[in-house]
Amino acid sequence: MILRHLFSPLNNTRLSHLCGPTDAHLRSIEVALQVKIAHRHEQFKVDGTKAQAKRGMELLQALYELAARPIEAATVQLMLAGDGAMDSADHPTLQTRRSDLRARTPNQALYLDNIANQDITFGIGPAGTGKTYLRSAAHRPDPPSRGSRRTAWLFAG
């Protein structure tokens, strides 16, 4: 399926920030979503399966909103990692001061589920993936009671 979009009003600075240096942001989206993106000035075309093309176009529109300033490659990767299917009620949610705290990826949802349901959970992965943050937010100390479980956190590094 081919989706087309015309970004208006024409703003070459925003378009440059959207595409990234030598179209690096567009290539990242193409690889991650398995779509083809073509553009000429403000006219963009996304070609791929219906779901992926739609997600790619939504991502381009969201990035265009952020494109008043240069967009970091990490921002594009974070937006690609965010999964709309994660909003469903069958994934754990955390009660914190932030109302929008939720798992952003299927692996984060699995991690939160394991923290809640297992006695021991190991979080292993690269820096910046949310391991410590999610662990801290998921830990809600209850008043000690007879037979309650104790929680110990071990950090390696």
N, C-alpha and C. Protein backbone atom coordinates (compact mmCIF):
# COMPACT_ATOMS: atom_id res chain seq x y z
N MET A 1 0.85 -1.17 0.00
CA MET A 1 0.00 0.00 0.00
C MET A 1 0.89 1.23 0.00
N ILE A 2 0.50 2.23 -0.76
CA ILE A 2 1.26 3.48 -0.84
C ILE A 2 0.45 4.59 -0.19
N LEU A 3 1.06 5.26 0.79
CA LEU A 3 0.44 6.41 1.44
C LEU A 3 1.22 7.65 1.05
N ARG A 4 0.50 8.72 0.80
CA ARG A 4 1.13 10.00 0.41
C ARG A 4 0.74 11.08 1.40
N HIS A 5 1.66 12.02 1.60
CA HIS A 5 1.37 13.14 2.50
C HIS A 5 2.13 14.37 2.01
N LEU A 6 1.48 15.50 2.12
CA LEU A 6 2.08 16.78 1.75
C LEU A 6 2.22 17.60 3.02
N PHE A 7 3.45 17.87 3.44
CA PHE A 7 3.68 18.67 4.63
C PHE A 7 3.56 20.14 4.26
N SER A 8 2.61 20.81 4.92
CA SER A 8 2.41 22.22 4.62
C SER A 8 2.16 22.97 5.92
N PRO A 9 2.52 24.22 5.99
CA PRO A 9 3.17 25.01 4.95
C PRO A 9 4.61 24.55 4.75
N LEU A 10 5.11 24.77 3.59
CA LEU A 10 6.46 24.35 3.24
C LEU A 10 7.46 25.04 4.16
N ASN A 11 8.28 24.25 4.83
CA ASN A 11 9.33 24.77 5.71
C ASN A 11 10.56 23.88 5.49
N ASN A 12 11.50 24.39 4.73
CA ASN A 12 12.67 23.59 4.36
C ASN A 12 13.53 23.21 5.55
N THR A 13 13.57 24.06 6.57
CA THR A 13 14.35 23.72 7.76
C THR A 13 13.75 22.52 8.46
N ARG A 14 12.44 22.53 8.65
CA ARG A 14 11.75 21.39 9.28
C ARG A 14 11.94 20.12 8.45
N LEU A 15 11.81 20.24 7.14
CA LEU A 15 11.97 19.07 6.28
C LEU A 15 13.39 18.50 6.38
N SER A 16 14.37 19.38 6.47
CA SER A 16 15.76 18.95 6.62
C SER A 16 15.95 18.22 7.95
N HIS A 17 15.37 18.75 9.02
CA HIS A 17 15.47 18.10 10.33
C HIS A 17 14.71 16.77 10.34
N LEU A 18 13.59 16.72 9.65
CA LEU A 18 12.80 15.49 9.58
C LEU A 18 13.59 14.37 8.90
N CYS A 19 14.21 14.68 7.78
CA CYS A 19 14.94 13.66 7.02
C CYS A 19 16.26 13.28 7.68
N GLY A 20 16.88 14.21 8.41
CA GLY A 20 18.16 13.94 9.05
C GLY A 20 19.30 14.11 8.07
N PRO A 21 20.52 14.04 8.59
CA PRO A 21 21.67 14.20 7.70
C PRO A 21 21.71 13.09 6.66
N THR A 22 21.81 13.47 5.43
CA THR A 22 21.80 12.54 4.27
C THR A 22 20.67 11.51 4.39
N ASP A 23 19.51 11.98 4.81
CA ASP A 23 18.29 11.17 4.93
C ASP A 23 18.44 10.00 5.91
N ALA A 24 19.30 10.14 6.91
CA ALA A 24 19.55 9.05 7.86
C ALA A 24 18.30 8.65 8.64
N HIS A 25 17.47 9.64 9.02
CA HIS A 25 16.26 9.31 9.78
C HIS A 25 15.29 8.50 8.91
N LEU A 26 15.18 8.87 7.66
CA LEU A 26 14.28 8.13 6.76
C LEU A 26 14.78 6.70 6.56
N ARG A 27 16.10 6.53 6.43
CA ARG A 27 16.65 5.18 6.26
C ARG A 27 16.42 4.33 7.50
N SER A 28 16.53 4.93 8.68
CA SER A 28 16.27 4.19 9.92
C SER A 28 14.83 3.70 9.97
N ILE A 29 13.92 4.56 9.57
CA ILE A 29 12.50 4.18 9.56
C ILE A 29 12.26 3.08 8.54
N GLU A 30 12.87 3.21 7.37
CA GLU A 30 12.71 2.18 6.33
C GLU A 30 13.18 0.81 6.82
N VAL A 31 14.33 0.77 7.45
CA VAL A 31 14.88 -0.50 7.91
C VAL A 31 14.01 -1.09 9.03
N ALA A 32 13.63 -0.25 9.98
CA ALA A 32 12.87 -0.74 11.14
C ALA A 32 11.48 -1.22 10.76
N LEU A 33 10.83 -0.51 9.84
CA LEU A 33 9.44 -0.84 9.50
C LEU A 33 9.31 -1.63 8.21
N GLN A 34 10.42 -1.86 7.51
CA GLN A 34 10.41 -2.57 6.24
C GLN A 34 9.46 -1.90 5.23
N VAL A 35 9.69 -0.59 5.05
CA VAL A 35 8.94 0.19 4.08
C VAL A 35 9.94 0.94 3.21
N LYS A 36 9.43 1.55 2.16
CA LYS A 36 10.23 2.43 1.30
C LYS A 36 9.65 3.83 1.42
N ILE A 37 10.53 4.80 1.65
CA ILE A 37 10.09 6.19 1.76
C ILE A 37 10.74 6.99 0.64
N ALA A 38 9.91 7.70 -0.10
CA ALA A 38 10.41 8.59 -1.16
C ALA A 38 9.87 9.98 -0.87
N HIS A 39 10.66 10.99 -1.19
CA HIS A 39 10.18 12.36 -1.00
C HIS A 39 10.78 13.28 -2.04
N ARG A 40 10.01 14.27 -2.36
CA ARG A 40 10.46 15.34 -3.24
C ARG A 40 9.90 16.62 -2.64
N HIS A 41 10.81 17.43 -2.11
CA HIS A 41 10.42 18.63 -1.38
C HIS A 41 9.51 18.24 -0.22
N GLU A 42 8.28 18.76 -0.18
CA GLU A 42 7.38 18.49 0.94
C GLU A 42 6.44 17.30 0.70
N GLN A 43 6.57 16.64 -0.44
CA GLN A 43 5.71 15.50 -0.77
C GLN A 43 6.41 14.19 -0.38
N PHE A 44 5.76 13.42 0.50
CA PHE A 44 6.34 12.17 0.98
C PHE A 44 5.44 11.00 0.57
N LYS A 45 6.08 9.87 0.28
CA LYS A 45 5.38 8.66 -0.10
C LYS A 45 5.97 7.50 0.69
N VAL A 46 5.10 6.73 1.37
CA VAL A 46 5.53 5.56 2.13
C VAL A 46 4.89 4.34 1.49
N ASP A 47 5.71 3.38 1.11
CA ASP A 47 5.24 2.17 0.44
C ASP A 47 5.59 0.95 1.29
N GLY A 48 4.59 0.13 1.60
CA GLY A 48 4.80 -1.07 2.39
C GLY A 48 3.47 -1.73 2.69
N THR A 49 3.48 -2.68 3.60
CA THR A 49 2.21 -3.29 4.00
C THR A 49 1.34 -2.21 4.62
N LYS A 50 0.04 -2.45 4.65
CA LYS A 50 -0.88 -1.42 5.11
C LYS A 50 -0.54 -0.93 6.52
N ALA A 51 -0.33 -1.86 7.45
CA ALA A 51 -0.05 -1.48 8.84
C ALA A 51 1.28 -0.75 8.96
N GLN A 52 2.31 -1.25 8.29
CA GLN A 52 3.62 -0.64 8.40
C GLN A 52 3.68 0.72 7.70
N ALA A 53 3.02 0.84 6.55
CA ALA A 53 2.98 2.12 5.85
C ALA A 53 2.25 3.16 6.69
N LYS A 54 1.17 2.75 7.31
CA LYS A 54 0.41 3.68 8.17
C LYS A 54 1.26 4.11 9.36
N ARG A 55 1.95 3.15 9.99
CA ARG A 55 2.80 3.48 11.13
C ARG A 55 3.94 4.39 10.69
N GLY A 56 4.53 4.12 9.52
CA GLY A 56 5.60 4.96 9.01
C GLY A 56 5.15 6.39 8.76
N MET A 57 3.96 6.54 8.18
CA MET A 57 3.44 7.89 7.92
C MET A 57 3.13 8.61 9.22
N GLU A 58 2.56 7.90 10.20
CA GLU A 58 2.28 8.52 11.50
C GLU A 58 3.57 8.95 12.18
N LEU A 59 4.61 8.14 12.04
CA LEU A 59 5.90 8.47 12.62
C LEU A 59 6.49 9.71 11.95
N LEU A 60 6.40 9.79 10.63
CA LEU A 60 6.89 10.97 9.92
C LEU A 60 6.16 12.22 10.37
N GLN A 61 4.84 12.12 10.53
CA GLN A 61 4.06 13.28 10.96
C GLN A 61 4.43 13.70 12.38
N ALA A 62 4.65 12.72 13.26
CA ALA A 62 5.04 13.04 14.63
C ALA A 62 6.43 13.68 14.66
N LEU A 63 7.34 13.16 13.85
CA LEU A 63 8.68 13.74 13.79
C LEU A 63 8.66 15.15 13.21
N TYR A 64 7.78 15.39 12.25
CA TYR A 64 7.68 16.73 11.66
C TYR A 64 7.26 17.75 12.72
N GLU A 65 6.42 17.32 13.66
CA GLU A 65 6.01 18.21 14.75
C GLU A 65 7.20 18.58 15.64
N LEU A 66 8.17 17.68 15.76
CA LEU A 66 9.35 17.93 16.58
C LEU A 66 10.47 18.62 15.81
N ALA A 67 10.30 18.83 14.52
CA ALA A 67 11.40 19.23 13.65
C ALA A 67 11.71 20.71 13.65
N ALA A 68 11.22 21.46 14.61
CA ALA A 68 11.61 22.86 14.69
C ALA A 68 13.10 22.96 14.99
N ARG A 69 13.61 21.95 15.69
CA ARG A 69 15.05 21.84 15.99
C ARG A 69 15.54 20.53 15.39
N PRO A 70 16.86 20.39 15.25
CA PRO A 70 17.38 19.11 14.73
C PRO A 70 16.94 17.94 15.61
N ILE A 71 16.63 16.83 14.97
CA ILE A 71 16.16 15.63 15.67
C ILE A 71 17.34 14.67 15.82
N GLU A 72 17.57 14.23 17.04
CA GLU A 72 18.65 13.27 17.31
C GLU A 72 18.25 11.89 16.79
N ALA A 73 19.22 11.10 16.39
CA ALA A 73 18.96 9.73 15.94
C ALA A 73 18.34 8.90 17.06
N ALA A 74 18.73 9.19 18.31
CA ALA A 74 18.18 8.46 19.46
C ALA A 74 16.68 8.71 19.60
N THR A 75 16.24 9.91 19.27
CA THR A 75 14.81 10.23 19.33
C THR A 75 14.04 9.40 18.32
N VAL A 76 14.59 9.27 17.13
CA VAL A 76 13.94 8.46 16.10
C VAL A 76 13.86 7.00 16.57
N GLN A 77 14.95 6.50 17.15
CA GLN A 77 14.96 5.12 17.63
C GLN A 77 13.96 4.90 18.75
N LEU A 78 13.84 5.86 19.66
CA LEU A 78 12.86 5.75 20.74
C LEU A 78 11.44 5.73 20.20
N MET A 79 11.18 6.56 19.21
CA MET A 79 9.84 6.60 18.62
C MET A 79 9.56 5.30 17.87
N LEU A 80 10.57 4.74 17.25
CA LEU A 80 10.39 3.45 16.58
C LEU A 80 10.15 2.33 17.59
N ALA A 81 10.81 2.42 18.74
CA ALA A 81 10.66 1.39 19.77
C ALA A 81 9.30 1.45 20.43
N GLY A 82 8.72 2.64 20.50
CA GLY A 82 7.38 2.76 21.07
C GLY A 82 6.40 1.96 20.24
N ASP A 83 5.57 1.18 20.90
CA ASP A 83 4.65 0.28 20.20
C ASP A 83 3.23 0.62 20.59
N GLY A 84 2.40 1.02 19.64
CA GLY A 84 1.01 1.35 19.93
C GLY A 84 0.24 0.21 20.54
N ALA A 85 0.63 -1.02 20.27
CA ALA A 85 -0.06 -2.17 20.83
C ALA A 85 0.18 -2.29 22.33
N MET A 86 1.18 -1.59 22.84
CA MET A 86 1.49 -1.67 24.26
C MET A 86 0.47 -0.93 25.10
N ASP A 87 -0.43 -0.16 24.49
CA ASP A 87 -1.43 0.59 25.25
C ASP A 87 -2.55 -0.28 25.77
N SER A 88 -2.63 -1.52 25.38
CA SER A 88 -3.75 -2.36 25.76
C SER A 88 -3.72 -2.68 27.25
N ALA A 89 -4.85 -3.07 27.79
CA ALA A 89 -5.00 -3.28 29.22
C ALA A 89 -4.34 -4.56 29.72
N ASP A 90 -3.91 -5.47 28.85
CA ASP A 90 -3.33 -6.72 29.32
C ASP A 90 -1.85 -6.60 29.66
N HIS A 91 -1.29 -5.40 29.63
CA HIS A 91 0.09 -5.19 30.03
C HIS A 91 0.13 -4.44 31.35
N PRO A 92 1.16 -4.67 32.16
CA PRO A 92 1.23 -4.02 33.46
C PRO A 92 1.32 -2.51 33.34
N THR A 93 0.69 -1.81 34.26
CA THR A 93 0.84 -0.37 34.36
C THR A 93 1.34 -0.07 35.76
N LEU A 94 2.02 1.04 35.90
CA LEU A 94 2.62 1.39 37.18
C LEU A 94 1.91 2.60 37.77
N GLN A 95 1.73 2.59 39.08
CA GLN A 95 1.13 3.70 39.78
C GLN A 95 2.26 4.59 40.32
N THR A 96 2.53 5.68 39.65
CA THR A 96 3.56 6.62 40.07
C THR A 96 3.01 8.02 39.92
N ARG A 97 3.84 9.00 40.23
CA ARG A 97 3.40 10.38 40.04
C ARG A 97 3.20 10.71 38.56
N ARG A 98 3.90 9.99 37.69
CA ARG A 98 3.71 10.18 36.25
C ARG A 98 2.56 9.30 35.80
N SER A 99 1.55 9.90 35.25
CA SER A 99 0.38 9.12 34.83
C SER A 99 0.62 8.37 33.52
N ASP A 100 1.64 8.77 32.75
CA ASP A 100 1.86 8.14 31.45
C ASP A 100 2.96 7.08 31.47
N LEU A 101 3.37 6.63 32.65
CA LEU A 101 4.42 5.63 32.72
C LEU A 101 3.86 4.27 32.33
N ARG A 102 4.45 3.69 31.29
CA ARG A 102 3.99 2.39 30.79
C ARG A 102 5.16 1.75 30.06
N ALA A 103 5.03 0.47 29.81
CA ALA A 103 6.04 -0.23 29.03
C ALA A 103 5.99 0.29 27.60
N ARG A 104 7.15 0.58 27.04
CA ARG A 104 7.21 1.10 25.67
C ARG A 104 7.49 0.03 24.65
N THR A 105 7.99 -1.10 25.11
CA THR A 105 8.31 -2.20 24.19
C THR A 105 7.78 -3.50 24.77
N PRO A 106 7.64 -4.52 23.95
CA PRO A 106 7.21 -5.82 24.48
C PRO A 106 8.17 -6.38 25.54
N ASN A 107 9.47 -6.14 25.39
CA ASN A 107 10.43 -6.63 26.38
C ASN A 107 10.26 -5.91 27.71
N GLN A 108 9.95 -4.61 27.70
CA GLN A 108 9.70 -3.90 28.94
C GLN A 108 8.44 -4.43 29.61
N ALA A 109 7.41 -4.74 28.83
CA ALA A 109 6.19 -5.30 29.40
C ALA A 109 6.46 -6.66 30.05
N LEU A 110 7.26 -7.47 29.40
CA LEU A 110 7.64 -8.77 29.96
C LEU A 110 8.44 -8.59 31.25
N TYR A 111 9.35 -7.63 31.26
CA TYR A 111 10.16 -7.33 32.44
C TYR A 111 9.28 -6.93 33.62
N LEU A 112 8.32 -6.02 33.38
CA LEU A 112 7.41 -5.59 34.44
C LEU A 112 6.56 -6.74 34.94
N ASP A 113 6.09 -7.56 34.03
CA ASP A 113 5.28 -8.72 34.42
C ASP A 113 6.10 -9.67 35.28
N ASN A 114 7.35 -9.90 34.90
CA ASN A 114 8.21 -10.78 35.68
C ASN A 114 8.53 -10.19 37.06
N ILE A 115 8.74 -8.89 37.15
CA ILE A 115 8.98 -8.24 38.44
C ILE A 115 7.78 -8.47 39.36
N ALA A 116 6.59 -8.34 38.81
CA ALA A 116 5.38 -8.48 39.61
C ALA A 116 5.11 -9.93 40.01
N ASN A 117 5.47 -10.89 39.19
CA ASN A 117 5.04 -12.26 39.42
C ASN A 117 6.12 -13.26 39.82
N GLN A 118 7.37 -12.88 39.74
CA GLN A 118 8.46 -13.81 40.03
C GLN A 118 9.22 -13.39 41.29
N ASP A 119 9.81 -14.36 41.95
CA ASP A 119 10.62 -14.07 43.13
C ASP A 119 11.94 -13.41 42.75
N ILE A 120 12.54 -13.86 41.67
CA ILE A 120 13.81 -13.30 41.21
C ILE A 120 13.67 -12.92 39.74
N THR A 121 14.07 -11.71 39.44
CA THR A 121 14.03 -11.24 38.06
C THR A 121 15.36 -10.57 37.74
N PHE A 122 15.98 -10.96 36.64
CA PHE A 122 17.21 -10.35 36.18
C PHE A 122 16.89 -9.45 34.99
N GLY A 123 17.39 -8.23 35.04
CA GLY A 123 17.26 -7.31 33.91
C GLY A 123 18.62 -7.08 33.31
N ILE A 124 18.85 -7.61 32.13
CA ILE A 124 20.15 -7.51 31.48
C ILE A 124 19.95 -6.84 30.13
N GLY A 125 20.75 -5.83 29.85
CA GLY A 125 20.63 -5.16 28.56
C GLY A 125 21.50 -3.91 28.52
N PRO A 126 21.53 -3.24 27.39
CA PRO A 126 22.37 -2.05 27.26
C PRO A 126 21.86 -0.88 28.09
N ALA A 127 22.74 0.06 28.33
CA ALA A 127 22.39 1.25 29.10
C ALA A 127 21.28 2.03 28.40
N GLY A 128 20.41 2.62 29.19
CA GLY A 128 19.38 3.49 28.65
C GLY A 128 18.12 2.79 28.18
N THR A 129 17.95 1.51 28.53
CA THR A 129 16.76 0.79 28.07
C THR A 129 15.66 0.74 29.11
N GLY A 130 15.88 1.38 30.28
CA GLY A 130 14.83 1.49 31.28
C GLY A 130 14.82 0.44 32.36
N LYS A 131 15.88 -0.34 32.48
CA LYS A 131 15.89 -1.43 33.46
C LYS A 131 15.75 -0.90 34.88
N THR A 132 16.62 -0.02 35.29
CA THR A 132 16.60 0.49 36.66
C THR A 132 15.37 1.36 36.90
N TYR A 133 15.02 2.17 35.94
CA TYR A 133 13.87 3.05 36.09
C TYR A 133 12.59 2.25 36.29
N LEU A 134 12.36 1.27 35.45
CA LEU A 134 11.15 0.45 35.57
C LEU A 134 11.17 -0.36 36.86
N ARG A 135 12.34 -0.89 37.22
CA ARG A 135 12.44 -1.65 38.46
C ARG A 135 12.09 -0.76 39.65
N SER A 136 12.64 0.45 39.69
CA SER A 136 12.36 1.36 40.80
C SER A 136 10.90 1.77 40.85
N ALA A 137 10.33 2.04 39.69
CA ALA A 137 8.92 2.45 39.64
C ALA A 137 8.00 1.30 39.99
N ALA A 138 8.40 0.09 39.66
CA ALA A 138 7.55 -1.08 39.93
C ALA A 138 7.60 -1.48 41.40
N HIS A 139 8.66 -1.11 42.10
CA HIS A 139 8.81 -1.50 43.51
C HIS A 139 7.97 -0.56 44.37
N ARG A 140 6.94 -1.11 44.99
CA ARG A 140 6.11 -0.35 45.92
C ARG A 140 6.25 -1.04 47.28
N PRO A 141 7.02 -0.46 48.18
CA PRO A 141 7.21 -1.14 49.45
C PRO A 141 5.90 -1.20 50.23
N ASP A 142 5.52 -2.40 50.65
CA ASP A 142 4.35 -2.59 51.48
C ASP A 142 4.81 -2.67 52.93
N PRO A 143 3.94 -2.32 53.87
CA PRO A 143 4.35 -2.49 55.25
C PRO A 143 4.63 -3.97 55.52
N PRO A 144 5.68 -4.28 56.27
CA PRO A 144 6.00 -5.68 56.51
C PRO A 144 4.86 -6.39 57.26
N SER A 145 4.57 -7.57 56.86
CA SER A 145 3.56 -8.38 57.54
C SER A 145 4.10 -9.79 57.66
N ARG A 146 3.49 -10.54 58.51
CA ARG A 146 3.95 -11.91 58.73
C ARG A 146 3.82 -12.69 57.42
N GLY A 147 4.89 -13.31 56.97
CA GLY A 147 4.86 -14.11 55.75
C GLY A 147 5.05 -13.29 54.48
N SER A 148 5.34 -11.98 54.61
CA SER A 148 5.51 -11.18 53.40
C SER A 148 6.89 -11.43 52.79
N ARG A 149 6.99 -11.21 51.49
CA ARG A 149 8.25 -11.42 50.78
C ARG A 149 9.15 -10.22 50.98
N ARG A 150 10.42 -10.46 51.05
CA ARG A 150 11.40 -9.39 51.11
C ARG A 150 11.97 -9.18 49.73
N THR A 151 12.33 -7.97 49.43
CA THR A 151 12.89 -7.64 48.14
C THR A 151 14.31 -7.14 48.31
N ALA A 152 15.22 -7.68 47.56
CA ALA A 152 16.61 -7.21 47.56
C ALA A 152 16.97 -6.87 46.12
N TRP A 153 17.67 -5.75 45.94
CA TRP A 153 18.09 -5.32 44.61
C TRP A 153 19.60 -5.41 44.54
N LEU A 154 20.11 -6.08 43.56
CA LEU A 154 21.54 -6.21 43.34
C LEU A 154 21.90 -5.50 42.05
N PHE A 155 22.97 -4.71 42.10
CA PHE A 155 23.42 -4.00 40.91
C PHE A 155 24.84 -4.43 40.60
N ALA A 156 25.08 -4.77 39.37
CA ALA A 156 26.43 -5.13 38.94
C ALA A 156 26.92 -4.06 37.99
N GLY A 157 28.16 -3.84 37.95
CA GLY A 157 28.64 -2.89 36.99
C GLY A 157 29.89 -2.31 37.36
